[in-house]
Amino acid sequence: PDRGASDTTAPQPLASVLDRVLGGLGGPSVDAVVLVYERWADVVGEEVAPRTRPLSIEGDLLRVGADDAAWASHLHWAEPEVLDRLEALL
């Protein structure tokens, strides 16, 4: 093995490596993903948060799961407000 090449590569923080990978895939930063998941109740409200959850973030698309169709409909109805809150958060 070529030791010289490996000696010049310094360890990097995991978050920065993940940011580069996610960015290369067209995704958001690690901080943005963590923030959405950690602050979900702030985004959708205390009553809605336990019945819904962010499933994935693909580019600028947030996929959300809901316990049942009624909660999914509620989120669809509240979409403009939820998007405003996400924009303010991020």
PDB file of N, CA and C in Angstrom:
ATOM      1  N   PRO A   1       0.822  -1.203   0.000  1.00  0.00           N
ATOM      2  CA  PRO A   1       0.000   0.000   0.000  1.00  0.00           C
ATOM      3  C   PRO A   1       0.857   1.254   0.000  1.00  0.00           C
ATOM      4  N   ASP A   2       0.359   2.280  -0.607  1.00  0.00           N
ATOM      5  CA  ASP A   2       1.065   3.552  -0.677  1.00  0.00           C
ATOM      6  C   ASP A   2       0.745   4.371   0.563  1.00  0.00           C
ATOM      7  N   ARG A   3       1.650   4.334   1.534  1.00  0.00           N
ATOM      8  CA  ARG A   3       1.421   5.036   2.801  1.00  0.00           C
ATOM      9  C   ARG A   3       1.421   6.547   2.635  1.00  0.00           C
ATOM     10  N   GLY A   4       2.154   7.048   1.684  1.00  0.00           N
ATOM     11  CA  GLY A   4       2.229   8.490   1.486  1.00  0.00           C
ATOM     12  C   GLY A   4       0.878   9.100   1.164  1.00  0.00           C
ATOM     13  N   ALA A   5       0.074   8.421   0.370  1.00  0.00           N
ATOM     14  CA  ALA A   5      -1.243   8.946  -0.014  1.00  0.00           C
ATOM     15  C   ALA A   5      -2.172   8.978   1.180  1.00  0.00           C
ATOM     16  N   SER A   6      -2.153   7.933   1.996  1.00  0.00           N
ATOM     17  CA  SER A   6      -3.071   7.898   3.130  1.00  0.00           C
ATOM     18  C   SER A   6      -2.656   8.868   4.229  1.00  0.00           C
ATOM     19  N   ASP A   7      -1.354   9.159   4.339  1.00  0.00           N
ATOM     20  CA  ASP A   7      -0.891  10.086   5.365  1.00  0.00           C
ATOM     21  C   ASP A   7      -1.325  11.519   5.073  1.00  0.00           C
ATOM     22  N   THR A   8      -1.553  11.858   3.817  1.00  0.00           N
ATOM     23  CA  THR A   8      -1.923  13.227   3.472  1.00  0.00           C
ATOM     24  C   THR A   8      -3.428  13.469   3.579  1.00  0.00           C
ATOM     25  N   THR A   9      -4.197  12.415   3.797  1.00  0.00           N
ATOM     26  CA  THR A   9      -5.644  12.557   3.915  1.00  0.00           C
ATOM     27  C   THR A   9      -6.010  12.615   5.387  1.00  0.00           C
ATOM     28  N   ALA A  10      -6.367  13.786   5.845  1.00  0.00           N
ATOM     29  CA  ALA A  10      -6.722  13.960   7.254  1.00  0.00           C
ATOM     30  C   ALA A  10      -8.167  13.539   7.493  1.00  0.00           C
ATOM     31  N   PRO A  11      -8.458  13.033   8.675  1.00  0.00           N
ATOM     32  CA  PRO A  11      -9.852  12.705   9.013  1.00  0.00           C
ATOM     33  C   PRO A  11     -10.731  13.949   8.907  1.00  0.00           C
ATOM     34  N   GLN A  12     -11.967  13.739   8.499  1.00  0.00           N
ATOM     35  CA  GLN A  12     -12.908  14.843   8.360  1.00  0.00           C
ATOM     36  C   GLN A  12     -14.129  14.572   9.212  1.00  0.00           C
ATOM     37  N   PRO A  13     -14.775  15.631   9.710  1.00  0.00           N
ATOM     38  CA  PRO A  13     -16.001  15.428  10.491  1.00  0.00           C
ATOM     39  C   PRO A  13     -17.071  14.733   9.646  1.00  0.00           C
ATOM     40  N   LEU A  14     -17.794  13.830  10.257  1.00  0.00           N
ATOM     41  CA  LEU A  14     -18.820  13.064   9.553  1.00  0.00           C
ATOM     42  C   LEU A  14     -19.875  13.972   8.919  1.00  0.00           C
ATOM     43  N   ALA A  15     -20.283  15.013   9.623  1.00  0.00           N
ATOM     44  CA  ALA A  15     -21.320  15.913   9.094  1.00  0.00           C
ATOM     45  C   ALA A  15     -20.882  16.548   7.775  1.00  0.00           C
ATOM     46  N   SER A  16     -19.608  16.928   7.666  1.00  0.00           N
ATOM     47  CA  SER A  16     -19.167  17.560   6.420  1.00  0.00           C
ATOM     48  C   SER A  16     -19.126  16.548   5.276  1.00  0.00           C
ATOM     49  N   VAL A  17     -18.745  15.316   5.579  1.00  0.00           N
ATOM     50  CA  VAL A  17     -18.740  14.278   4.549  1.00  0.00           C
ATOM     51  C   VAL A  17     -20.171  13.984   4.103  1.00  0.00           C
ATOM     52  N   LEU A  18     -21.092  13.856   5.064  1.00  0.00           N
ATOM     53  CA  LEU A  18     -22.490  13.604   4.724  1.00  0.00           C
ATOM     54  C   LEU A  18     -23.089  14.762   3.934  1.00  0.00           C
ATOM     55  N   ASP A  19     -22.716  15.990   4.289  1.00  0.00           N
ATOM     56  CA  ASP A  19     -23.208  17.155   3.540  1.00  0.00           C
ATOM     57  C   ASP A  19     -22.785  17.064   2.077  1.00  0.00           C
ATOM     58  N   ARG A  20     -21.539  16.660   1.831  1.00  0.00           N
ATOM     59  CA  ARG A  20     -21.064  16.545   0.446  1.00  0.00           C
ATOM     60  C   ARG A  20     -21.811  15.434  -0.290  1.00  0.00           C
ATOM     61  N   VAL A  21     -22.024  14.312   0.393  1.00  0.00           N
ATOM     62  CA  VAL A  21     -22.738  13.199  -0.231  1.00  0.00           C
ATOM     63  C   VAL A  21     -24.176  13.600  -0.534  1.00  0.00           C
ATOM     64  N   LEU A  22     -24.869  14.162   0.458  1.00  0.00           N
ATOM     65  CA  LEU A  22     -26.259  14.574   0.252  1.00  0.00           C
ATOM     66  C   LEU A  22     -26.352  15.661  -0.816  1.00  0.00           C
ATOM     67  N   GLY A  23     -25.425  16.605  -0.798  1.00  0.00           N
ATOM     68  CA  GLY A  23     -25.419  17.658  -1.808  1.00  0.00           C
ATOM     69  C   GLY A  23     -25.229  17.090  -3.199  1.00  0.00           C
ATOM     70  N   GLY A  24     -24.360  16.095  -3.317  1.00  0.00           N
ATOM     71  CA  GLY A  24     -24.140  15.446  -4.602  1.00  0.00           C
ATOM     72  C   GLY A  24     -25.367  14.705  -5.098  1.00  0.00           C
ATOM     73  N   LEU A  25     -26.215  14.291  -4.174  1.00  0.00           N
ATOM     74  CA  LEU A  25     -27.454  13.602  -4.528  1.00  0.00           C
ATOM     75  C   LEU A  25     -28.625  14.570  -4.685  1.00  0.00           C
ATOM     76  N   GLY A  26     -28.347  15.856  -4.517  1.00  0.00           N
ATOM     77  CA  GLY A  26     -29.407  16.859  -4.641  1.00  0.00           C
ATOM     78  C   GLY A  26     -30.225  17.024  -3.384  1.00  0.00           C
ATOM     79  N   GLY A  27     -29.710  16.555  -2.266  1.00  0.00           N
ATOM     80  CA  GLY A  27     -30.450  16.621  -1.007  1.00  0.00           C
ATOM     81  C   GLY A  27     -30.066  17.831  -0.173  1.00  0.00           C
ATOM     82  N   PRO A  28     -30.764  18.008   0.933  1.00  0.00           N
ATOM     83  CA  PRO A  28     -30.475  19.116   1.842  1.00  0.00           C
ATOM     84  C   PRO A  28     -29.253  18.797   2.705  1.00  0.00           C
ATOM     85  N   SER A  29     -28.816  19.776   3.468  1.00  0.00           N
ATOM     86  CA  SER A  29     -27.694  19.559   4.374  1.00  0.00           C
ATOM     87  C   SER A  29     -28.120  18.663   5.540  1.00  0.00           C
ATOM     88  N   VAL A  30     -27.146  18.079   6.197  1.00  0.00           N
ATOM     89  CA  VAL A  30     -27.416  17.251   7.371  1.00  0.00           C
ATOM     90  C   VAL A  30     -28.119  18.086   8.441  1.00  0.00           C
ATOM     91  N   ASP A  31     -27.655  19.321   8.632  1.00  0.00           N
ATOM     92  CA  ASP A  31     -28.279  20.189   9.636  1.00  0.00           C
ATOM     93  C   ASP A  31     -29.753  20.418   9.343  1.00  0.00           C
ATOM     94  N   ALA A  32     -30.105  20.593   8.069  1.00  0.00           N
ATOM     95  CA  ALA A  32     -31.506  20.807   7.694  1.00  0.00           C
ATOM     96  C   ALA A  32     -32.338  19.570   7.982  1.00  0.00           C
ATOM     97  N   VAL A  33     -31.813  18.396   7.657  1.00  0.00           N
ATOM     98  CA  VAL A  33     -32.535  17.150   7.909  1.00  0.00           C
ATOM     99  C   VAL A  33     -32.772  16.965   9.401  1.00  0.00           C
ATOM    100  N   VAL A  34     -31.723  17.142  10.188  1.00  0.00           N
ATOM    101  CA  VAL A  34     -31.840  16.979  11.638  1.00  0.00           C
ATOM    102  C   VAL A  34     -32.828  17.991  12.206  1.00  0.00           C
ATOM    103  N   LEU A  35     -32.764  19.211  11.738  1.00  0.00           N
ATOM    104  CA  LEU A  35     -33.653  20.260  12.231  1.00  0.00           C
ATOM    105  C   LEU A  35     -35.115  19.930  11.965  1.00  0.00           C
ATOM    106  N   VAL A  36     -35.426  19.450  10.775  1.00  0.00           N
ATOM    107  CA  VAL A  36     -36.814  19.094  10.451  1.00  0.00           C
ATOM    108  C   VAL A  36     -37.309  17.995  11.392  1.00  0.00           C
ATOM    109  N   TYR A  37     -36.508  16.968  11.598  1.00  0.00           N
ATOM    110  CA  TYR A  37     -36.918  15.863  12.456  1.00  0.00           C
ATOM    111  C   TYR A  37     -37.025  16.294  13.921  1.00  0.00           C
ATOM    112  N   GLU A  38     -36.046  17.054  14.395  1.00  0.00           N
ATOM    113  CA  GLU A  38     -36.061  17.472  15.802  1.00  0.00           C
ATOM    114  C   GLU A  38     -37.153  18.490  16.110  1.00  0.00           C
ATOM    115  N   ARG A  39     -37.494  19.335  15.159  1.00  0.00           N
ATOM    116  CA  ARG A  39     -38.456  20.416  15.409  1.00  0.00           C
ATOM    117  C   ARG A  39     -39.794  20.163  14.726  1.00  0.00           C
ATOM    118  N   TRP A  40     -40.105  18.908  14.458  1.00  0.00           N
ATOM    119  CA  TRP A  40     -41.341  18.556  13.754  1.00  0.00           C
ATOM    120  C   TRP A  40     -42.570  19.141  14.439  1.00  0.00           C
ATOM    121  N   ALA A  41     -42.631  19.107  15.760  1.00  0.00           N
ATOM    122  CA  ALA A  41     -43.783  19.662  16.490  1.00  0.00           C
ATOM    123  C   ALA A  41     -43.914  21.169  16.242  1.00  0.00           C
ATOM    124  N   ASP A  42     -42.803  21.875  16.078  1.00  0.00           N
ATOM    125  CA  ASP A  42     -42.855  23.307  15.767  1.00  0.00           C
ATOM    126  C   ASP A  42     -43.381  23.548  14.353  1.00  0.00           C
ATOM    127  N   VAL A  43     -43.128  22.599  13.476  1.00  0.00           N
ATOM    128  CA  VAL A  43     -43.535  22.748  12.076  1.00  0.00           C
ATOM    129  C   VAL A  43     -45.027  22.482  11.901  1.00  0.00           C
ATOM    130  N   VAL A  44     -45.522  21.398  12.498  1.00  0.00           N
ATOM    131  CA  VAL A  44     -46.921  21.009  12.268  1.00  0.00           C
ATOM    132  C   VAL A  44     -47.839  21.262  13.456  1.00  0.00           C
ATOM    133  N   GLY A  45     -47.275  21.567  14.611  1.00  0.00           N
ATOM    134  CA  GLY A  45     -48.086  21.812  15.795  1.00  0.00           C
ATOM    135  C   GLY A  45     -48.065  20.613  16.742  1.00  0.00           C
ATOM    136  N   GLU A  46     -48.267  20.897  18.010  1.00  0.00           N
ATOM    137  CA  GLU A  46     -48.195  19.875  19.063  1.00  0.00           C
ATOM    138  C   GLU A  46     -49.244  18.775  18.904  1.00  0.00           C
ATOM    139  N   GLU A  47     -50.434  19.125  18.426  1.00  0.00           N
ATOM    140  CA  GLU A  47     -51.503  18.128  18.278  1.00  0.00           C
ATOM    141  C   GLU A  47     -51.251  17.192  17.090  1.00  0.00           C
ATOM    142  N   VAL A  48     -50.697  17.727  16.029  1.00  0.00           N
ATOM    143  CA  VAL A  48     -50.505  16.969  14.798  1.00  0.00           C
ATOM    144  C   VAL A  48     -49.222  16.130  14.835  1.00  0.00           C
ATOM    145  N   ALA A  49     -48.198  16.618  15.495  1.00  0.00           N
ATOM    146  CA  ALA A  49     -46.879  15.970  15.478  1.00  0.00           C
ATOM    147  C   ALA A  49     -46.892  14.496  15.895  1.00  0.00           C
ATOM    148  N   PRO A  50     -47.602  14.105  16.959  1.00  0.00           N
ATOM    149  CA  PRO A  50     -47.561  12.688  17.330  1.00  0.00           C
ATOM    150  C   PRO A  50     -48.259  11.765  16.330  1.00  0.00           C
ATOM    151  N   ARG A  51     -49.065  12.335  15.444  1.00  0.00           N
ATOM    152  CA  ARG A  51     -49.849  11.539  14.495  1.00  0.00           C
ATOM    153  C   ARG A  51     -49.283  11.571  13.079  1.00  0.00           C
ATOM    154  N   THR A  52     -48.197  12.333  12.905  1.00  0.00           N
ATOM    155  CA  THR A  52     -47.542  12.447  11.609  1.00  0.00           C
ATOM    156  C   THR A  52     -46.037  12.400  11.825  1.00  0.00           C
ATOM    157  N   ARG A  53     -45.303  12.172  10.739  1.00  0.00           N
ATOM    158  CA  ARG A  53     -43.848  12.143  10.863  1.00  0.00           C
ATOM    159  C   ARG A  53     -43.215  12.377   9.499  1.00  0.00           C
ATOM    160  N   PRO A  54     -42.089  13.086   9.494  1.00  0.00           N
ATOM    161  CA  PRO A  54     -41.353  13.209   8.244  1.00  0.00           C
ATOM    162  C   PRO A  54     -40.733  11.855   7.907  1.00  0.00           C
ATOM    163  N   LEU A  55     -40.883  11.416   6.662  1.00  0.00           N
ATOM    164  CA  LEU A  55     -40.343  10.122   6.251  1.00  0.00           C
ATOM    165  C   LEU A  55     -39.032  10.268   5.498  1.00  0.00           C
ATOM    166  N   SER A  56     -38.979  11.243   4.607  1.00  0.00           N
ATOM    167  CA  SER A  56     -37.753  11.444   3.834  1.00  0.00           C
ATOM    168  C   SER A  56     -37.743  12.843   3.242  1.00  0.00           C
ATOM    169  N   ILE A  57     -36.562  13.287   2.904  1.00  0.00           N
ATOM    170  CA  ILE A  57     -36.380  14.553   2.211  1.00  0.00           C
ATOM    171  C   ILE A  57     -35.579  14.236   0.958  1.00  0.00           C
ATOM    172  N   GLU A  58     -36.192  14.465  -0.191  1.00  0.00           N
ATOM    173  CA  GLU A  58     -35.560  14.183  -1.479  1.00  0.00           C
ATOM    174  C   GLU A  58     -35.542  15.473  -2.286  1.00  0.00           C
ATOM    175  N   GLY A  59     -34.388  16.105  -2.347  1.00  0.00           N
ATOM    176  CA  GLY A  59     -34.295  17.411  -3.002  1.00  0.00           C
ATOM    177  C   GLY A  59     -35.122  18.413  -2.222  1.00  0.00           C
ATOM    178  N   ASP A  60     -36.126  18.993  -2.871  1.00  0.00           N
ATOM    179  CA  ASP A  60     -36.997  19.936  -2.170  1.00  0.00           C
ATOM    180  C   ASP A  60     -38.348  19.302  -1.828  1.00  0.00           C
ATOM    181  N   LEU A  61     -38.419  17.969  -1.864  1.00  0.00           N
ATOM    182  CA  LEU A  61     -39.653  17.243  -1.569  1.00  0.00           C
ATOM    183  C   LEU A  61     -39.564  16.588  -0.191  1.00  0.00           C
ATOM    184  N   LEU A  62     -40.496  16.938   0.689  1.00  0.00           N
ATOM    185  CA  LEU A  62     -40.586  16.329   2.016  1.00  0.00           C
ATOM    186  C   LEU A  62     -41.734  15.334   1.991  1.00  0.00           C
ATOM    187  N   ARG A  63     -41.426  14.074   2.217  1.00  0.00           N
ATOM    188  CA  ARG A  63     -42.465  13.039   2.299  1.00  0.00           C
ATOM    189  C   ARG A  63     -42.849  12.885   3.762  1.00  0.00           C
ATOM    190  N   VAL A  64     -44.167  12.881   4.002  1.00  0.00           N
ATOM    191  CA  VAL A  64     -44.693  12.827   5.364  1.00  0.00           C
ATOM    192  C   VAL A  64     -45.637  11.650   5.484  1.00  0.00           C
ATOM    193  N   GLY A  65     -45.533  10.931   6.591  1.00  0.00           N
ATOM    194  CA  GLY A  65     -46.464   9.850   6.884  1.00  0.00           C
ATOM    195  C   GLY A  65     -47.470  10.314   7.918  1.00  0.00           C
ATOM    196  N   ALA A  66     -48.651   9.723   7.886  1.00  0.00           N
ATOM    197  CA  ALA A  66     -49.707  10.073   8.836  1.00  0.00           C
ATOM    198  C   ALA A  66     -50.366   8.788   9.329  1.00  0.00           C
ATOM    199  N   ASP A  67     -50.903   8.831  10.547  1.00  0.00           N
ATOM    200  CA  ASP A  67     -51.543   7.661  11.141  1.00  0.00           C
ATOM    201  C   ASP A  67     -52.764   7.203  10.351  1.00  0.00           C
ATOM    202  N   ASP A  68     -53.491   8.155   9.769  1.00  0.00           N
ATOM    203  CA  ASP A  68     -54.680   7.789   8.989  1.00  0.00           C
ATOM    204  C   ASP A  68     -54.996   8.897   7.991  1.00  0.00           C
ATOM    205  N   ALA A  69     -55.992   8.649   7.183  1.00  0.00           N
ATOM    206  CA  ALA A  69     -56.355   9.579   6.106  1.00  0.00           C
ATOM    207  C   ALA A  69     -56.791  10.945   6.631  1.00  0.00           C
ATOM    208  N   ALA A  70     -57.409  10.984   7.797  1.00  0.00           N
ATOM    209  CA  ALA A  70     -57.860  12.264   8.352  1.00  0.00           C
ATOM    210  C   ALA A  70     -56.669  13.176   8.649  1.00  0.00           C
ATOM    211  N   TRP A  71     -55.604  12.615   9.224  1.00  0.00           N
ATOM    212  CA  TRP A  71     -54.415  13.429   9.517  1.00  0.00           C
ATOM    213  C   TRP A  71     -53.692  13.806   8.240  1.00  0.00           C
ATOM    214  N   ALA A  72     -53.675  12.917   7.262  1.00  0.00           N
ATOM    215  CA  ALA A  72     -53.077  13.243   5.970  1.00  0.00           C
ATOM    216  C   ALA A  72     -53.839  14.401   5.320  1.00  0.00           C
ATOM    217  N   SER A  73     -55.167  14.367   5.392  1.00  0.00           N
ATOM    218  CA  SER A  73     -55.986  15.457   4.844  1.00  0.00           C
ATOM    219  C   SER A  73     -55.725  16.754   5.581  1.00  0.00           C
ATOM    220  N   HIS A  74     -55.584  16.674   6.898  1.00  0.00           N
ATOM    221  CA  HIS A  74     -55.297  17.870   7.685  1.00  0.00           C
ATOM    222  C   HIS A  74     -53.983  18.505   7.229  1.00  0.00           C
ATOM    223  N   LEU A  75     -52.956  17.676   7.037  1.00  0.00           N
ATOM    224  CA  LEU A  75     -51.672  18.211   6.578  1.00  0.00           C
ATOM    225  C   LEU A  75     -51.788  18.811   5.186  1.00  0.00           C
ATOM    226  N   HIS A  76     -52.543  18.163   4.324  1.00  0.00           N
ATOM    227  CA  HIS A  76     -52.727  18.705   2.974  1.00  0.00           C
ATOM    228  C   HIS A  76     -53.408  20.074   3.048  1.00  0.00           C
ATOM    229  N   TRP A  77     -54.408  20.190   3.881  1.00  0.00           N
ATOM    230  CA  TRP A  77     -55.119  21.459   4.059  1.00  0.00           C
ATOM    231  C   TRP A  77     -54.191  22.528   4.633  1.00  0.00           C
ATOM    232  N   ALA A  78     -53.307  22.125   5.555  1.00  0.00           N
ATOM    233  CA  ALA A  78     -52.421  23.076   6.234  1.00  0.00           C
ATOM    234  C   ALA A  78     -51.090  23.266   5.494  1.00  0.00           C
ATOM    235  N   GLU A  79     -50.960  22.716   4.308  1.00  0.00           N
ATOM    236  CA  GLU A  79     -49.686  22.745   3.579  1.00  0.00           C
ATOM    237  C   GLU A  79     -49.063  24.134   3.472  1.00  0.00           C
ATOM    238  N   PRO A  80     -49.799  25.177   3.097  1.00  0.00           N
ATOM    239  CA  PRO A  80     -49.161  26.504   2.987  1.00  0.00           C
ATOM    240  C   PRO A  80     -48.538  26.965   4.309  1.00  0.00           C
ATOM    241  N   GLU A  81     -49.243  26.738   5.412  1.00  0.00           N
ATOM    242  CA  GLU A  81     -48.724  27.137   6.723  1.00  0.00           C
ATOM    243  C   GLU A  81     -47.502  26.293   7.101  1.00  0.00           C
ATOM    244  N   VAL A  82     -47.560  24.996   6.833  1.00  0.00           N
ATOM    245  CA  VAL A  82     -46.437  24.110   7.133  1.00  0.00           C
ATOM    246  C   VAL A  82     -45.211  24.529   6.317  1.00  0.00           C
ATOM    247  N   LEU A  83     -45.406  24.841   5.042  1.00  0.00           N
ATOM    248  CA  LEU A  83     -44.290  25.279   4.204  1.00  0.00           C
ATOM    249  C   LEU A  83     -43.695  26.599   4.698  1.00  0.00           C
ATOM    250  N   ASP A  84     -44.551  27.514   5.141  1.00  0.00           N
ATOM    251  CA  ASP A  84     -44.060  28.785   5.709  1.00  0.00           C
ATOM    252  C   ASP A  84     -43.215  28.518   6.948  1.00  0.00           C
ATOM    253  N   ARG A  85     -43.681  27.633   7.805  1.00  0.00           N
ATOM    254  CA  ARG A  85     -42.923  27.308   9.027  1.00  0.00           C
ATOM    255  C   ARG A  85     -41.588  26.637   8.694  1.00  0.00           C
ATOM    256  N   LEU A  86     -41.608  25.721   7.716  1.00  0.00           N
ATOM    257  CA  LEU A  86     -40.352  25.076   7.305  1.00  0.00           C
ATOM    258  C   LEU A  86     -39.380  26.087   6.754  1.00  0.00           C
ATOM    259  N   GLU A  87     -39.869  27.006   5.928  1.00  0.00           N
ATOM    260  CA  GLU A  87     -38.998  28.025   5.360  1.00  0.00           C
ATOM    261  C   GLU A  87     -38.391  28.894   6.456  1.00  0.00           C
ATOM    262  N   ALA A  88     -39.184  29.275   7.438  1.00  0.00           N
ATOM    263  CA  ALA A  88     -38.674  30.088   8.546  1.00  0.00           C
ATOM    264  C   ALA A  88     -37.652  29.300   9.375  1.00  0.00           C
ATOM    265  N   LEU A  89     -37.899  28.030   9.555  1.00  0.00           N
ATOM    266  CA  LEU A  89     -37.014  27.179  10.350  1.00  0.00           C
ATOM    267  C   LEU A  89     -35.671  26.982   9.660  1.00  0.00           C
ATOM    268  N   LEU A  90     -35.721  26.773   8.361  1.00  0.00           N
ATOM    269  CA  LEU A  90     -34.495  26.470   7.624  1.00  0.00           C
ATOM    270  C   LEU A  90     -33.825  27.720   7.099  1.00  0.00           C
TER     271      LEU A  90
END
